[in-house]
Amino acid sequence: MNIAFQAFLLILFYLPGALFILGLTGRIFSDDDVPLVFGSISSNAGLALAAAAIIHLIGALVVTALPNGLHAQIGASTFFDLVSSDTKAPAYQKAQNIIENSLGCEATYFLFAAVLSFGVGYGLYRLQDRLQLDRKFPSLRFKPHWHYVLSASGPAAQNQVVLVDFLVDVSGTAVLYTGLLNEYTFDKETKQLDTLFLTDTLRSVWDITSAVGKDPVSLPVGLFCLKFEEVKNFTVTYISRQNIQGTQPNQTAPLLPQGTSATQGSTTGNTPGP
């Protein structure tokens, strides 16, 4: 056994924490259309390392309750001696002999720790997703901020639609597009909002100076696509499906990105130009 083996043991130590974080954020089973945004690589590694330490601490407490034979085979002190001692030190030689005679126990422990860590993490992810805890607690938001703004939430979310107004500058002319938000996509590299898809879209031209707009015209398309980078201003309104025909919206936007403001039942905001 050498330094490479010690590095391998450190990876085994880190693995349960990394799997717990993967499960907790839903990264493995995430929808590609809504990317995950969860800190930097260094912060993720730090969280995984902290999680691994807690997991192995719990594991050490469990191991101490095992019969003496098994306790000696997979005890924390044996692992510590292997990764911290010089390969020629007596403590290392003793730990090496224990490991060589109990590879099955060690493998079972690390396999069990890895599977259980991921299972617990993913279980917590499903729980917060079901209870929509990410909309209440910022620390649990692993998706881009625009995802929360552009999707209805709460018990009535399934019976709501999202009505949007996007103001676009077309060759110096202010054009307002109004429609029901059908879908939206994110850029895979930047993870920023990329394309919006509207149905039942109306188009109206506005005179910014007089704030007067022409009568809206219904676009003869089933699905209207718009690049978010072209949007100058916007509003988002949540409306009950039963009251789509002109009634007042019934929910205020739950989350607002920096630089936006809310009116009764809607979100308004500015976006950077293209």
C-alpha atoms as a PDB file:
ATOM      1  CA  MET A   1       0.000   0.000   0.000  1.00  0.00           C
ATOM      2  CA  ASN A   2       1.277   3.514  -0.844  1.00  0.00           C
ATOM      3  CA  ILE A   3       0.259   7.142  -1.257  1.00  0.00           C
ATOM      4  CA  ALA A   4      -2.044   6.241  -4.163  1.00  0.00           C
ATOM      5  CA  PHE A   5      -3.960   3.928  -1.837  1.00  0.00           C
ATOM      6  CA  GLN A   6      -4.228   6.697   0.750  1.00  0.00           C
ATOM      7  CA  ALA A   7      -5.657   8.996  -1.937  1.00  0.00           C
ATOM      8  CA  PHE A   8      -8.152   6.285  -2.871  1.00  0.00           C
ATOM      9  CA  LEU A   9      -9.267   6.059   0.759  1.00  0.00           C
ATOM     10  CA  LEU A  10      -9.763   9.818   0.876  1.00  0.00           C
ATOM     11  CA  ILE A  11     -11.977   9.565  -2.209  1.00  0.00           C
ATOM     12  CA  LEU A  12     -13.996   6.853  -0.477  1.00  0.00           C
ATOM     13  CA  PHE A  13     -14.319   9.147   2.529  1.00  0.00           C
ATOM     14  CA  TYR A  14     -15.529  12.034   0.330  1.00  0.00           C
ATOM     15  CA  LEU A  15     -17.891   9.972  -1.858  1.00  0.00           C
ATOM     16  CA  PRO A  16     -20.906   9.677   0.528  1.00  0.00           C
ATOM     17  CA  GLY A  17     -20.934  13.446   1.040  1.00  0.00           C
ATOM     18  CA  ALA A  18     -20.797  14.105  -2.704  1.00  0.00           C
ATOM     19  CA  LEU A  19     -23.641  11.650  -3.347  1.00  0.00           C
ATOM     20  CA  PHE A  20     -25.704  13.252  -0.573  1.00  0.00           C
ATOM     21  CA  ILE A  21     -25.321  16.692  -2.194  1.00  0.00           C
ATOM     22  CA  LEU A  22     -26.162  15.242  -5.626  1.00  0.00           C
ATOM     23  CA  GLY A  23     -29.331  13.701  -4.232  1.00  0.00           C
ATOM     24  CA  LEU A  24     -30.279  16.794  -2.224  1.00  0.00           C
ATOM     25  CA  THR A  25     -30.035  19.094  -5.259  1.00  0.00           C
ATOM     26  CA  GLY A  26     -31.684  16.622  -7.648  1.00  0.00           C
ATOM     27  CA  ARG A  27     -28.782  16.952 -10.074  1.00  0.00           C
ATOM     28  CA  ILE A  28     -28.856  13.375 -11.332  1.00  0.00           C
ATOM     29  CA  PHE A  29     -32.582  13.379 -12.117  1.00  0.00           C
ATOM     30  CA  SER A  30     -32.932  17.067 -13.028  1.00  0.00           C
ATOM     31  CA  ASP A  31     -34.870  18.304 -16.072  1.00  0.00           C
ATOM     32  CA  ASP A  32     -32.434  19.453 -18.756  1.00  0.00           C
ATOM     33  CA  ASP A  33     -34.773  22.331 -19.690  1.00  0.00           C
ATOM     34  CA  VAL A  34     -34.354  23.866 -16.230  1.00  0.00           C
ATOM     35  CA  PRO A  35     -30.655  23.770 -15.271  1.00  0.00           C
ATOM     36  CA  LEU A  36     -29.497  23.734 -11.684  1.00  0.00           C
ATOM     37  CA  VAL A  37     -27.634  26.671 -10.218  1.00  0.00           C
ATOM     38  CA  PHE A  38     -25.962  25.714  -6.986  1.00  0.00           C
ATOM     39  CA  GLY A  39     -22.886  27.662  -5.935  1.00  0.00           C
ATOM     40  CA  SER A  40     -19.322  27.324  -7.165  1.00  0.00           C
ATOM     41  CA  ILE A  41     -17.269  24.152  -7.485  1.00  0.00           C
ATOM     42  CA  SER A  42     -15.290  25.014  -4.350  1.00  0.00           C
ATOM     43  CA  SER A  43     -18.414  25.692  -2.268  1.00  0.00           C
ATOM     44  CA  ASN A  44     -20.016  22.467  -3.478  1.00  0.00           C
ATOM     45  CA  ALA A  45     -16.855  20.534  -2.602  1.00  0.00           C
ATOM     46  CA  GLY A  46     -16.806  22.128   0.839  1.00  0.00           C
ATOM     47  CA  LEU A  47     -20.437  21.204   1.482  1.00  0.00           C
ATOM     48  CA  ALA A  48     -19.813  17.658   0.281  1.00  0.00           C
ATOM     49  CA  LEU A  49     -16.781  17.344   2.554  1.00  0.00           C
ATOM     50  CA  ALA A  50     -18.760  18.634   5.554  1.00  0.00           C
ATOM     51  CA  ALA A  51     -21.590  16.234   4.740  1.00  0.00           C
ATOM     52  CA  ALA A  52     -19.109  13.355   4.451  1.00  0.00           C
ATOM     53  CA  ALA A  53     -17.633  14.171   7.862  1.00  0.00           C
ATOM     54  CA  ILE A  54     -21.104  14.151   9.459  1.00  0.00           C
ATOM     55  CA  ILE A  55     -22.045  10.924   7.685  1.00  0.00           C
ATOM     56  CA  HIS A  56     -18.889   9.138   8.834  1.00  0.00           C
ATOM     57  CA  LEU A  57     -19.326  10.492  12.343  1.00  0.00           C
ATOM     58  CA  ILE A  58     -22.759   8.913  12.440  1.00  0.00           C
ATOM     59  CA  GLY A  59     -21.233   5.787  10.909  1.00  0.00           C
ATOM     60  CA  ALA A  60     -18.583   5.684  13.636  1.00  0.00           C
ATOM     61  CA  LEU A  61     -21.284   5.879  16.306  1.00  0.00           C
ATOM     62  CA  VAL A  62     -23.131   3.014  14.651  1.00  0.00           C
ATOM     63  CA  VAL A  63     -19.964   0.936  14.315  1.00  0.00           C
ATOM     64  CA  THR A  64     -19.174   1.291  18.021  1.00  0.00           C
ATOM     65  CA  ALA A  65     -22.439  -0.497  18.725  1.00  0.00           C
ATOM     66  CA  LEU A  66     -21.350  -3.524  16.690  1.00  0.00           C
ATOM     67  CA  PRO A  67     -19.715  -6.606  18.239  1.00  0.00           C
ATOM     68  CA  ASN A  68     -16.057  -6.125  19.147  1.00  0.00           C
ATOM     69  CA  GLY A  69     -14.760  -8.137  16.192  1.00  0.00           C
ATOM     70  CA  LEU A  70     -16.534  -6.024  13.585  1.00  0.00           C
ATOM     71  CA  HIS A  71     -15.794  -2.851  15.515  1.00  0.00           C
ATOM     72  CA  ALA A  72     -12.068  -3.549  15.327  1.00  0.00           C
ATOM     73  CA  GLN A  73     -12.275  -4.349  11.605  1.00  0.00           C
ATOM     74  CA  ILE A  74     -14.022  -1.167  10.458  1.00  0.00           C
ATOM     75  CA  GLY A  75     -13.219   1.240  13.276  1.00  0.00           C
ATOM     76  CA  ALA A  76     -12.568   4.916  12.539  1.00  0.00           C
ATOM     77  CA  SER A  77      -9.104   4.772  14.099  1.00  0.00           C
ATOM     78  CA  THR A  78      -7.999   2.186  11.531  1.00  0.00           C
ATOM     79  CA  PHE A  79      -9.042   4.425   8.643  1.00  0.00           C
ATOM     80  CA  PHE A  80      -7.425   7.474  10.274  1.00  0.00           C
ATOM     81  CA  ASP A  81      -4.114   5.646  10.708  1.00  0.00           C
ATOM     82  CA  LEU A  82      -4.104   4.630   7.065  1.00  0.00           C
ATOM     83  CA  VAL A  83      -4.603   8.133   5.668  1.00  0.00           C
ATOM     84  CA  SER A  84      -2.543  10.107   8.193  1.00  0.00           C
ATOM     85  CA  SER A  85       0.438   7.911   9.102  1.00  0.00           C
ATOM     86  CA  ASP A  86       3.698   7.361   7.302  1.00  0.00           C
ATOM     87  CA  THR A  87       3.653   4.087   5.386  1.00  0.00           C
ATOM     88  CA  LYS A  88       6.557   2.816   7.484  1.00  0.00           C
ATOM     89  CA  ALA A  89       5.048   3.802  10.835  1.00  0.00           C
ATOM     90  CA  PRO A  90       3.915   0.986  13.193  1.00  0.00           C
ATOM     91  CA  ALA A  91       0.393   2.450  13.329  1.00  0.00           C
ATOM     92  CA  TYR A  92       0.139   2.277   9.546  1.00  0.00           C
ATOM     93  CA  GLN A  93       1.468  -1.290   9.432  1.00  0.00           C
ATOM     94  CA  LYS A  94      -1.053  -2.365  12.055  1.00  0.00           C
ATOM     95  CA  ALA A  95      -3.936  -0.677  10.218  1.00  0.00           C
ATOM     96  CA  GLN A  96      -2.749  -2.231   6.955  1.00  0.00           C
ATOM     97  CA  ASN A  97      -2.916  -5.709   8.435  1.00  0.00           C
ATOM     98  CA  ILE A  98      -6.450  -5.060   9.723  1.00  0.00           C
ATOM     99  CA  ILE A  99      -7.613  -3.788   6.322  1.00  0.00           C
ATOM    100  CA  GLU A 100      -6.086  -6.709   4.445  1.00  0.00           C
ATOM    101  CA  ASN A 101      -7.975  -9.117   6.691  1.00  0.00           C
ATOM    102  CA  SER A 102     -11.303  -7.267   6.543  1.00  0.00           C
ATOM    103  CA  LEU A 103     -11.724  -5.966   3.006  1.00  0.00           C
ATOM    104  CA  GLY A 104     -15.267  -7.334   2.895  1.00  0.00           C
ATOM    105  CA  CYS A 105     -16.330  -5.389   5.987  1.00  0.00           C
ATOM    106  CA  GLU A 106     -14.710  -2.181   4.742  1.00  0.00           C
ATOM    107  CA  ALA A 107     -16.293  -2.489   1.296  1.00  0.00           C
ATOM    108  CA  THR A 108     -19.710  -3.150   2.845  1.00  0.00           C
ATOM    109  CA  TYR A 109     -19.423  -0.106   5.089  1.00  0.00           C
ATOM    110  CA  PHE A 110     -18.487   2.323   2.292  1.00  0.00           C
ATOM    111  CA  LEU A 111     -21.080   0.873  -0.099  1.00  0.00           C
ATOM    112  CA  PHE A 112     -23.794   1.131   2.538  1.00  0.00           C
ATOM    113  CA  ALA A 113     -22.731   4.690   3.431  1.00  0.00           C
ATOM    114  CA  ALA A 114     -22.767   5.778  -0.233  1.00  0.00           C
ATOM    115  CA  VAL A 115     -26.177   4.263  -1.059  1.00  0.00           C
ATOM    116  CA  LEU A 116     -27.788   5.492   2.157  1.00  0.00           C
ATOM    117  CA  SER A 117     -26.348   9.002   1.745  1.00  0.00           C
ATOM    118  CA  PHE A 118     -27.706   9.385  -1.771  1.00  0.00           C
ATOM    119  CA  GLY A 119     -31.065   7.894  -0.751  1.00  0.00           C
ATOM    120  CA  VAL A 120     -31.472  10.279   2.174  1.00  0.00           C
ATOM    121  CA  GLY A 121     -30.378  13.275   0.080  1.00  0.00           C
ATOM    122  CA  TYR A 122     -32.748  12.463  -2.769  1.00  0.00           C
ATOM    123  CA  GLY A 123     -35.566  11.764  -0.315  1.00  0.00           C
ATOM    124  CA  LEU A 124     -35.102  15.246   1.165  1.00  0.00           C
ATOM    125  CA  TYR A 125     -35.062  16.701  -2.366  1.00  0.00           C
ATOM    126  CA  ARG A 126     -38.376  15.032  -3.219  1.00  0.00           C
ATOM    127  CA  LEU A 127     -39.849  16.238   0.064  1.00  0.00           C
ATOM    128  CA  GLN A 128     -38.881  19.865  -0.511  1.00  0.00           C
ATOM    129  CA  ASP A 129     -40.081  19.636  -4.119  1.00  0.00           C
ATOM    130  CA  ARG A 130     -43.460  18.251  -3.044  1.00  0.00           C
ATOM    131  CA  LEU A 131     -43.903  20.850  -0.292  1.00  0.00           C
ATOM    132  CA  GLN A 132     -42.380  23.623  -2.483  1.00  0.00           C
ATOM    133  CA  LEU A 133     -40.017  24.548   0.312  1.00  0.00           C
ATOM    134  CA  ASP A 134     -37.649  26.144  -2.203  1.00  0.00           C
ATOM    135  CA  ARG A 135     -40.182  28.941  -2.670  1.00  0.00           C
ATOM    136  CA  LYS A 136     -40.173  29.647   1.065  1.00  0.00           C
ATOM    137  CA  PHE A 137     -36.488  29.203   1.893  1.00  0.00           C
ATOM    138  CA  PRO A 138     -33.842  30.752  -0.424  1.00  0.00           C
ATOM    139  CA  SER A 139     -31.194  28.254   0.686  1.00  0.00           C
ATOM    140  CA  LEU A 140     -33.201  25.452  -0.951  1.00  0.00           C
ATOM    141  CA  ARG A 141     -33.432  27.067  -4.394  1.00  0.00           C
ATOM    142  CA  PHE A 142     -31.303  25.076  -6.809  1.00  0.00           C
ATOM    143  CA  LYS A 143     -32.901  26.309 -10.053  1.00  0.00           C
ATOM    144  CA  PRO A 144     -32.476  29.665 -11.854  1.00  0.00           C
ATOM    145  CA  HIS A 145     -34.398  32.557 -10.334  1.00  0.00           C
ATOM    146  CA  TRP A 146     -36.459  33.102 -13.478  1.00  0.00           C
ATOM    147  CA  HIS A 147     -37.914  29.609 -13.115  1.00  0.00           C
ATOM    148  CA  TYR A 148     -39.640  30.674  -9.904  1.00  0.00           C
ATOM    149  CA  VAL A 149     -40.879  33.951 -11.386  1.00  0.00           C
ATOM    150  CA  LEU A 150     -42.312  32.390 -14.543  1.00  0.00           C
ATOM    151  CA  SER A 151     -44.098  29.460 -12.901  1.00  0.00           C
ATOM    152  CA  ALA A 152     -47.152  29.546 -10.663  1.00  0.00           C
ATOM    153  CA  SER A 153     -46.849  28.102  -7.172  1.00  0.00           C
ATOM    154  CA  GLY A 154     -48.926  27.143  -4.187  1.00  0.00           C
ATOM    155  CA  PRO A 155     -51.912  24.785  -3.825  1.00  0.00           C
ATOM    156  CA  ALA A 156     -53.720  26.406  -6.766  1.00  0.00           C
ATOM    157  CA  ALA A 157     -50.766  26.223  -9.179  1.00  0.00           C
ATOM    158  CA  GLN A 158     -52.269  23.426 -11.290  1.00  0.00           C
ATOM    159  CA  ASN A 159     -55.358  25.547 -11.939  1.00  0.00           C
ATOM    160  CA  GLN A 160     -53.457  28.643 -12.969  1.00  0.00           C
ATOM    161  CA  VAL A 161     -51.945  29.969 -16.171  1.00  0.00           C
ATOM    162  CA  VAL A 162     -49.205  32.556 -16.571  1.00  0.00           C
ATOM    163  CA  LEU A 163     -50.078  35.640 -18.615  1.00  0.00           C
ATOM    164  CA  VAL A 164     -47.075  37.675 -19.810  1.00  0.00           C
ATOM    165  CA  ASP A 165     -46.542  41.032 -21.508  1.00  0.00           C
ATOM    166  CA  PHE A 166     -43.185  41.575 -23.209  1.00  0.00           C
ATOM    167  CA  LEU A 167     -42.130  44.951 -24.548  1.00  0.00           C
ATOM    168  CA  VAL A 168     -39.688  44.664 -27.455  1.00  0.00           C
ATOM    169  CA  ASP A 169     -37.868  47.302 -29.491  1.00  0.00           C
ATOM    170  CA  VAL A 170     -38.261  46.474 -33.185  1.00  0.00           C
ATOM    171  CA  SER A 171     -36.186  48.873 -35.291  1.00  0.00           C
ATOM    172  CA  GLY A 172     -36.947  51.747 -32.938  1.00  0.00           C
ATOM    173  CA  THR A 173     -40.627  50.852 -32.565  1.00  0.00           C
ATOM    174  CA  ALA A 174     -42.045  49.659 -29.258  1.00  0.00           C
ATOM    175  CA  VAL A 175     -43.986  46.449 -29.753  1.00  0.00           C
ATOM    176  CA  LEU A 176     -45.925  44.746 -26.961  1.00  0.00           C
ATOM    177  CA  TYR A 177     -46.527  40.997 -27.091  1.00  0.00           C
ATOM    178  CA  THR A 178     -49.171  39.574 -24.773  1.00  0.00           C
ATOM    179  CA  GLY A 179     -49.945  35.894 -24.409  1.00  0.00           C
ATOM    180  CA  LEU A 180     -50.099  32.801 -22.252  1.00  0.00           C
ATOM    181  CA  LEU A 181     -46.687  31.425 -21.338  1.00  0.00           C
ATOM    182  CA  ASN A 182     -46.443  27.893 -22.698  1.00  0.00           C
ATOM    183  CA  GLU A 183     -42.784  27.060 -22.122  1.00  0.00           C
ATOM    184  CA  TYR A 184     -39.368  28.609 -21.591  1.00  0.00           C
ATOM    185  CA  THR A 185     -35.832  27.384 -22.051  1.00  0.00           C
ATOM    186  CA  PHE A 186     -32.434  28.263 -20.599  1.00  0.00           C
ATOM    187  CA  ASP A 187     -29.059  28.557 -22.256  1.00  0.00           C
ATOM    188  CA  LYS A 188     -27.111  25.425 -21.331  1.00  0.00           C
ATOM    189  CA  GLU A 189     -23.809  27.269 -20.931  1.00  0.00           C
ATOM    190  CA  THR A 190     -24.815  30.501 -19.182  1.00  0.00           C
ATOM    191  CA  LYS A 191     -27.928  29.018 -17.513  1.00  0.00           C
ATOM    192  CA  GLN A 192     -29.714  32.279 -18.281  1.00  0.00           C
ATOM    193  CA  LEU A 193     -33.269  32.521 -19.610  1.00  0.00           C
ATOM    194  CA  ASP A 194     -33.085  32.083 -23.377  1.00  0.00           C
ATOM    195  CA  THR A 195     -36.351  31.536 -25.301  1.00  0.00           C
ATOM    196  CA  LEU A 196     -40.001  32.032 -24.356  1.00  0.00           C
ATOM    197  CA  PHE A 197     -42.935  30.361 -26.084  1.00  0.00           C
ATOM    198  CA  LEU A 198     -46.369  32.006 -26.011  1.00  0.00           C
ATOM    199  CA  THR A 199     -49.814  30.900 -27.128  1.00  0.00           C
ATOM    200  CA  ASP A 200     -52.875  33.066 -27.908  1.00  0.00           C
ATOM    201  CA  THR A 201     -50.450  35.897 -28.620  1.00  0.00           C
ATOM    202  CA  LEU A 202     -51.544  39.497 -29.249  1.00  0.00           C
ATOM    203  CA  ARG A 203     -49.296  42.135 -30.850  1.00  0.00           C
ATOM    204  CA  SER A 204     -49.691  45.866 -30.442  1.00  0.00           C
ATOM    205  CA  VAL A 205     -47.515  48.818 -31.455  1.00  0.00           C
ATOM    206  CA  TRP A 206     -47.004  51.611 -28.913  1.00  0.00           C
ATOM    207  CA  ASP A 207     -45.992  55.230 -29.099  1.00  0.00           C
ATOM    208  CA  ILE A 208     -43.676  55.587 -26.119  1.00  0.00           C
ATOM    209  CA  THR A 209     -43.902  59.397 -26.130  1.00  0.00           C
ATOM    210  CA  SER A 210     -47.691  59.537 -25.799  1.00  0.00           C
ATOM    211  CA  ALA A 211     -48.021  56.107 -24.146  1.00  0.00           C
ATOM    212  CA  VAL A 212     -50.746  55.253 -26.637  1.00  0.00           C
ATOM    213  CA  GLY A 213     -50.962  51.871 -28.286  1.00  0.00           C
ATOM    214  CA  LYS A 214     -52.772  50.662 -31.375  1.00  0.00           C
ATOM    215  CA  ASP A 215     -55.452  48.012 -31.122  1.00  0.00           C
ATOM    216  CA  PRO A 216     -53.829  44.602 -30.517  1.00  0.00           C
ATOM    217  CA  VAL A 217     -53.731  42.137 -33.374  1.00  0.00           C
ATOM    218  CA  SER A 218     -53.948  38.386 -32.834  1.00  0.00           C
ATOM    219  CA  LEU A 219     -50.966  36.582 -34.336  1.00  0.00           C
ATOM    220  CA  PRO A 220     -51.984  33.698 -36.638  1.00  0.00           C
ATOM    221  CA  VAL A 221     -49.512  31.260 -35.081  1.00  0.00           C
ATOM    222  CA  GLY A 222     -50.038  28.448 -32.626  1.00  0.00           C
ATOM    223  CA  LEU A 223     -46.776  29.034 -30.761  1.00  0.00           C
ATOM    224  CA  PHE A 224     -44.931  32.357 -30.771  1.00  0.00           C
ATOM    225  CA  CYS A 225     -41.214  32.305 -29.920  1.00  0.00           C
ATOM    226  CA  LEU A 226     -39.353  35.227 -28.415  1.00  0.00           C
ATOM    227  CA  LYS A 227     -35.728  35.659 -27.363  1.00  0.00           C
ATOM    228  CA  PHE A 228     -35.514  36.957 -23.810  1.00  0.00           C
ATOM    229  CA  GLU A 229     -32.477  39.108 -24.618  1.00  0.00           C
ATOM    230  CA  GLU A 230     -34.724  41.212 -26.874  1.00  0.00           C
ATOM    231  CA  VAL A 231     -37.166  42.037 -24.070  1.00  0.00           C
ATOM    232  CA  LYS A 232     -36.945  45.584 -22.667  1.00  0.00           C
ATOM    233  CA  ASN A 233     -39.704  45.349 -20.082  1.00  0.00           C
ATOM    234  CA  PHE A 234     -42.233  42.765 -18.993  1.00  0.00           C
ATOM    235  CA  THR A 235     -45.086  41.839 -16.676  1.00  0.00           C
ATOM    236  CA  VAL A 236     -46.034  38.408 -15.351  1.00  0.00           C
ATOM    237  CA  THR A 237     -49.560  37.711 -14.096  1.00  0.00           C
ATOM    238  CA  TYR A 238     -50.995  34.522 -12.567  1.00  0.00           C
ATOM    239  CA  ILE A 239     -54.606  33.857 -13.528  1.00  0.00           C
ATOM    240  CA  SER A 240     -57.048  31.102 -12.623  1.00  0.00           C
ATOM    241  CA  ARG A 241     -57.898  28.863 -15.582  1.00  0.00           C
ATOM    242  CA  GLN A 242     -61.596  29.382 -14.888  1.00  0.00           C
ATOM    243  CA  ASN A 243     -61.158  33.158 -15.096  1.00  0.00           C
ATOM    244  CA  ILE A 244     -58.925  33.578 -18.137  1.00  0.00           C
ATOM    245  CA  GLN A 245     -61.490  35.734 -19.907  1.00  0.00           C
ATOM    246  CA  GLY A 246     -60.666  39.122 -18.464  1.00  0.00           C
ATOM    247  CA  THR A 247     -60.984  38.614 -14.719  1.00  0.00           C
ATOM    248  CA  GLN A 248     -58.508  39.976 -12.202  1.00  0.00           C
ATOM    249  CA  PRO A 249     -55.422  37.861 -11.490  1.00  0.00           C
ATOM    250  CA  ASN A 250     -55.399  36.176  -8.117  1.00  0.00           C
ATOM    251  CA  GLN A 251     -51.797  35.667  -7.105  1.00  0.00           C
ATOM    252  CA  THR A 252     -48.821  37.904  -6.606  1.00  0.00           C
ATOM    253  CA  ALA A 253     -45.462  36.700  -7.903  1.00  0.00           C
ATOM    254  CA  PRO A 254     -43.796  34.663  -5.139  1.00  0.00           C
ATOM    255  CA  LEU A 255     -40.226  35.677  -5.984  1.00  0.00           C
ATOM    256  CA  LEU A 256     -38.829  38.707  -7.729  1.00  0.00           C
ATOM    257  CA  PRO A 257     -35.413  38.987  -9.350  1.00  0.00           C
ATOM    258  CA  GLN A 258     -33.247  41.929  -8.489  1.00  0.00           C
ATOM    259  CA  GLY A 259     -34.508  45.090 -10.166  1.00  0.00           C
ATOM    260  CA  THR A 260     -38.167  44.079 -10.467  1.00  0.00           C
ATOM    261  CA  SER A 261     -41.285  45.269  -8.715  1.00  0.00           C
ATOM    262  CA  ALA A 262     -44.693  43.773  -8.127  1.00  0.00           C
ATOM    263  CA  THR A 263     -48.202  45.093  -8.648  1.00  0.00           C
ATOM    264  CA  GLN A 264     -51.375  43.439  -7.393  1.00  0.00           C
ATOM    265  CA  GLY A 265     -51.377  39.991  -8.953  1.00  0.00           C
ATOM    266  CA  SER A 266     -48.466  40.586 -11.290  1.00  0.00           C
ATOM    267  CA  THR A 267     -44.724  41.024 -11.606  1.00  0.00           C
ATOM    268  CA  THR A 268     -43.118  43.790 -13.610  1.00  0.00           C
ATOM    269  CA  GLY A 269     -39.484  44.279 -14.360  1.00  0.00           C
ATOM    270  CA  ASN A 270     -36.769  45.505 -16.667  1.00  0.00           C
ATOM    271  CA  THR A 271     -34.316  43.359 -18.534  1.00  0.00           C
ATOM    272  CA  PRO A 272     -31.037  44.350 -20.150  1.00  0.00           C
ATOM    273  CA  GLY A 273     -31.064  45.078 -23.833  1.00  0.00           C
ATOM    274  CA  PRO A 274     -29.682  42.666 -26.423  1.00  0.00           C
END
